[in-house]
C-alpha atoms as a PDB file:
ATOM      1  CA  MET A   1       0.000   0.000   0.000  1.00  0.00           C
ATOM      2  CA  ALA A   2       1.617   3.227  -1.171  1.00  0.00           C
ATOM      3  CA  LEU A   3       1.016   6.559   0.497  1.00  0.00           C
ATOM      4  CA  THR A   4      -0.439   9.377  -1.554  1.00  0.00           C
ATOM      5  CA  ARG A   5       0.669  13.001  -1.464  1.00  0.00           C
ATOM      6  CA  GLU A   6      -2.528  13.877   0.381  1.00  0.00           C
ATOM      7  CA  GLU A   7      -1.831  11.269   3.083  1.00  0.00           C
ATOM      8  CA  VAL A   8       1.702  12.590   3.525  1.00  0.00           C
ATOM      9  CA  ARG A   9       0.334  16.133   3.804  1.00  0.00           C
ATOM     10  CA  GLY A  10      -2.178  14.905   6.402  1.00  0.00           C
ATOM     11  CA  VAL A  11       0.574  13.313   8.482  1.00  0.00           C
ATOM     12  CA  ALA A  12       2.672  16.459   8.126  1.00  0.00           C
ATOM     13  CA  THR A  13      -0.269  18.530   9.375  1.00  0.00           C
ATOM     14  CA  LEU A  14      -0.660  16.258  12.404  1.00  0.00           C
ATOM     15  CA  ALA A  15       3.076  16.646  13.080  1.00  0.00           C
ATOM     16  CA  ARG A  16       2.681  20.416  12.619  1.00  0.00           C
ATOM     17  CA  LEU A  17       5.082  20.469   9.687  1.00  0.00           C
ATOM     18  CA  ASP A  18       4.656  22.997   6.905  1.00  0.00           C
ATOM     19  CA  LEU A  19       5.950  21.179   3.827  1.00  0.00           C
ATOM     20  CA  LYS A  20       6.576  22.789   0.455  1.00  0.00           C
ATOM     21  CA  ASP A  21       5.401  20.934  -2.663  1.00  0.00           C
ATOM     22  CA  ASN A  22       8.887  19.631  -3.507  1.00  0.00           C
ATOM     23  CA  GLU A  23       9.326  18.425   0.103  1.00  0.00           C
ATOM     24  CA  THR A  24       5.967  16.636  -0.038  1.00  0.00           C
ATOM     25  CA  ASP A  25       7.010  14.872  -3.259  1.00  0.00           C
ATOM     26  CA  ARG A  26      10.401  13.891  -1.828  1.00  0.00           C
ATOM     27  CA  LEU A  27       8.943  12.644   1.474  1.00  0.00           C
ATOM     28  CA  THR A  28       6.179  10.716  -0.302  1.00  0.00           C
ATOM     29  CA  HIS A  29       8.869   8.881  -2.267  1.00  0.00           C
ATOM     30  CA  HIS A  30      11.031   8.245   0.848  1.00  0.00           C
ATOM     31  CA  LEU A  31       8.117   7.051   2.979  1.00  0.00           C
ATOM     32  CA  ASN A  32       6.945   4.681   0.254  1.00  0.00           C
ATOM     33  CA  ASP A  33      10.479   3.272   0.018  1.00  0.00           C
ATOM     34  CA  LEU A  34      10.458   2.704   3.796  1.00  0.00           C
ATOM     35  CA  LEU A  35       7.081   0.980   3.651  1.00  0.00           C
ATOM     36  CA  ALA A  36       8.385  -1.278   0.875  1.00  0.00           C
ATOM     37  CA  GLN A  37      11.352  -2.257   3.060  1.00  0.00           C
ATOM     38  CA  PHE A  38       9.033  -3.025   5.978  1.00  0.00           C
ATOM     39  CA  ALA A  39       6.901  -5.165   3.674  1.00  0.00           C
ATOM     40  CA  ARG A  40      10.017  -7.161   2.743  1.00  0.00           C
ATOM     41  CA  LEU A  41      10.823  -7.656   6.434  1.00  0.00           C
ATOM     42  CA  GLN A  42       7.290  -8.961   7.034  1.00  0.00           C
ATOM     43  CA  GLU A  43       8.048 -11.796   4.606  1.00  0.00           C
ATOM     44  CA  LEU A  44      10.790 -13.207   6.868  1.00  0.00           C
ATOM     45  CA  ASN A  45      10.070 -16.309   8.930  1.00  0.00           C
ATOM     46  CA  THR A  46      10.839 -15.352  12.539  1.00  0.00           C
ATOM     47  CA  GLU A  47       9.046 -18.189  14.333  1.00  0.00           C
ATOM     48  CA  ASP A  48      12.280 -19.694  15.715  1.00  0.00           C
ATOM     49  CA  VAL A  49      13.801 -16.338  16.689  1.00  0.00           C
ATOM     50  CA  PRO A  50      13.401 -15.583  20.407  1.00  0.00           C
ATOM     51  CA  PRO A  51      12.259 -12.080  21.335  1.00  0.00           C
ATOM     52  CA  THR A  52      15.138  -9.871  22.427  1.00  0.00           C
ATOM     53  CA  ALA A  53      15.581  -6.452  23.977  1.00  0.00           C
ATOM     54  CA  HIS A  54      19.178  -6.140  22.721  1.00  0.00           C
ATOM     55  CA  ALA A  55      20.922  -7.483  19.651  1.00  0.00           C
ATOM     56  CA  VAL A  56      23.880  -8.622  21.774  1.00  0.00           C
ATOM     57  CA  PRO A  57      23.976  -9.814  25.394  1.00  0.00           C
ATOM     58  CA  VAL A  58      24.262  -6.915  27.829  1.00  0.00           C
ATOM     59  CA  ALA A  59      25.650  -7.312  31.333  1.00  0.00           C
ATOM     60  CA  ALA A  60      24.873  -4.832  34.072  1.00  0.00           C
ATOM     61  CA  ALA A  61      27.886  -2.648  34.773  1.00  0.00           C
ATOM     62  CA  LEU A  62      27.027  -2.257  38.433  1.00  0.00           C
ATOM     63  CA  ARG A  63      29.160  -3.125  41.425  1.00  0.00           C
ATOM     64  CA  GLU A  64      28.012  -5.526  44.089  1.00  0.00           C
ATOM     65  CA  ASP A  65      25.783  -3.979  46.743  1.00  0.00           C
ATOM     66  CA  VAL A  66      27.947  -4.483  49.811  1.00  0.00           C
ATOM     67  CA  ALA A  67      27.339  -2.787  53.161  1.00  0.00           C
ATOM     68  CA  ARG A  68      30.272  -0.713  54.348  1.00  0.00           C
ATOM     69  CA  PRO A  69      30.811   1.882  57.046  1.00  0.00           C
ATOM     70  CA  SER A  70      29.549   5.355  56.256  1.00  0.00           C
ATOM     71  CA  LEU A  71      31.178   8.666  57.105  1.00  0.00           C
ATOM     72  CA  PRO A  72      30.968   9.809  60.725  1.00  0.00           C
ATOM     73  CA  ARG A  73      28.021  12.209  61.279  1.00  0.00           C
ATOM     74  CA  GLU A  74      30.329  15.006  62.505  1.00  0.00           C
ATOM     75  CA  ALA A  75      32.471  14.798  59.368  1.00  0.00           C
ATOM     76  CA  VAL A  76      29.360  15.095  57.188  1.00  0.00           C
ATOM     77  CA  MET A  77      27.896  17.940  59.247  1.00  0.00           C
ATOM     78  CA  ALA A  78      31.173  19.848  58.937  1.00  0.00           C
ATOM     79  CA  ASN A  79      30.427  20.274  55.198  1.00  0.00           C
ATOM     80  CA  GLY A  80      27.157  22.176  55.708  1.00  0.00           C
ATOM     81  CA  PRO A  81      26.985  25.977  55.902  1.00  0.00           C
ATOM     82  CA  GLN A  82      24.252  25.798  58.576  1.00  0.00           C
ATOM     83  CA  VAL A  83      23.612  22.750  60.705  1.00  0.00           C
ATOM     84  CA  ASP A  84      21.380  21.896  63.632  1.00  0.00           C
ATOM     85  CA  ARG A  85      23.570  19.680  65.763  1.00  0.00           C
ATOM     86  CA  GLU A  86      20.735  18.981  68.166  1.00  0.00           C
ATOM     87  CA  LEU A  87      18.515  17.506  65.426  1.00  0.00           C
ATOM     88  CA  GLY A  88      21.469  16.243  63.415  1.00  0.00           C
ATOM     89  CA  GLY A  89      20.539  17.862  60.083  1.00  0.00           C
ATOM     90  CA  PHE A  90      21.229  20.703  57.702  1.00  0.00           C
ATOM     91  CA  ILE A  91      19.318  23.994  57.839  1.00  0.00           C
ATOM     92  CA  VAL A  92      18.013  25.011  54.417  1.00  0.00           C
ATOM     93  CA  PRO A  93      15.804  27.901  53.234  1.00  0.00           C
ATOM     94  CA  GLN A  94      12.054  27.235  53.200  1.00  0.00           C
ATOM     95  CA  VAL A  95      10.801  26.902  49.640  1.00  0.00           C
ATOM     96  CA  ILE A  96       7.269  25.525  50.106  1.00  0.00           C
ATOM     97  CA  GLY A  97       4.467  27.346  51.895  1.00  0.00           C
ATOM     98  CA  GLU A  98       6.039  30.756  51.991  1.00  0.00           C
END
């Protein structure tokens, strides 16, 4: 099924594209070529091909999640411009409900 110029213009309108006549002709030709290639792919027998998310195996590049000691609270609090040592937190400007 080939696309007509009017169908290409309709799709361009939906995509909010303002195509000139020569662009409409060129895109009609290109889109019909793409549809022909997809039609050829539809002819392939893929029954024995398992579904895949990647063309090649992909391994997660993450390190092991191992518990380790964190920084001492005082060392962390020393990095803040304003801290509340009693509550053990940073003081930040109010941004909600002003």
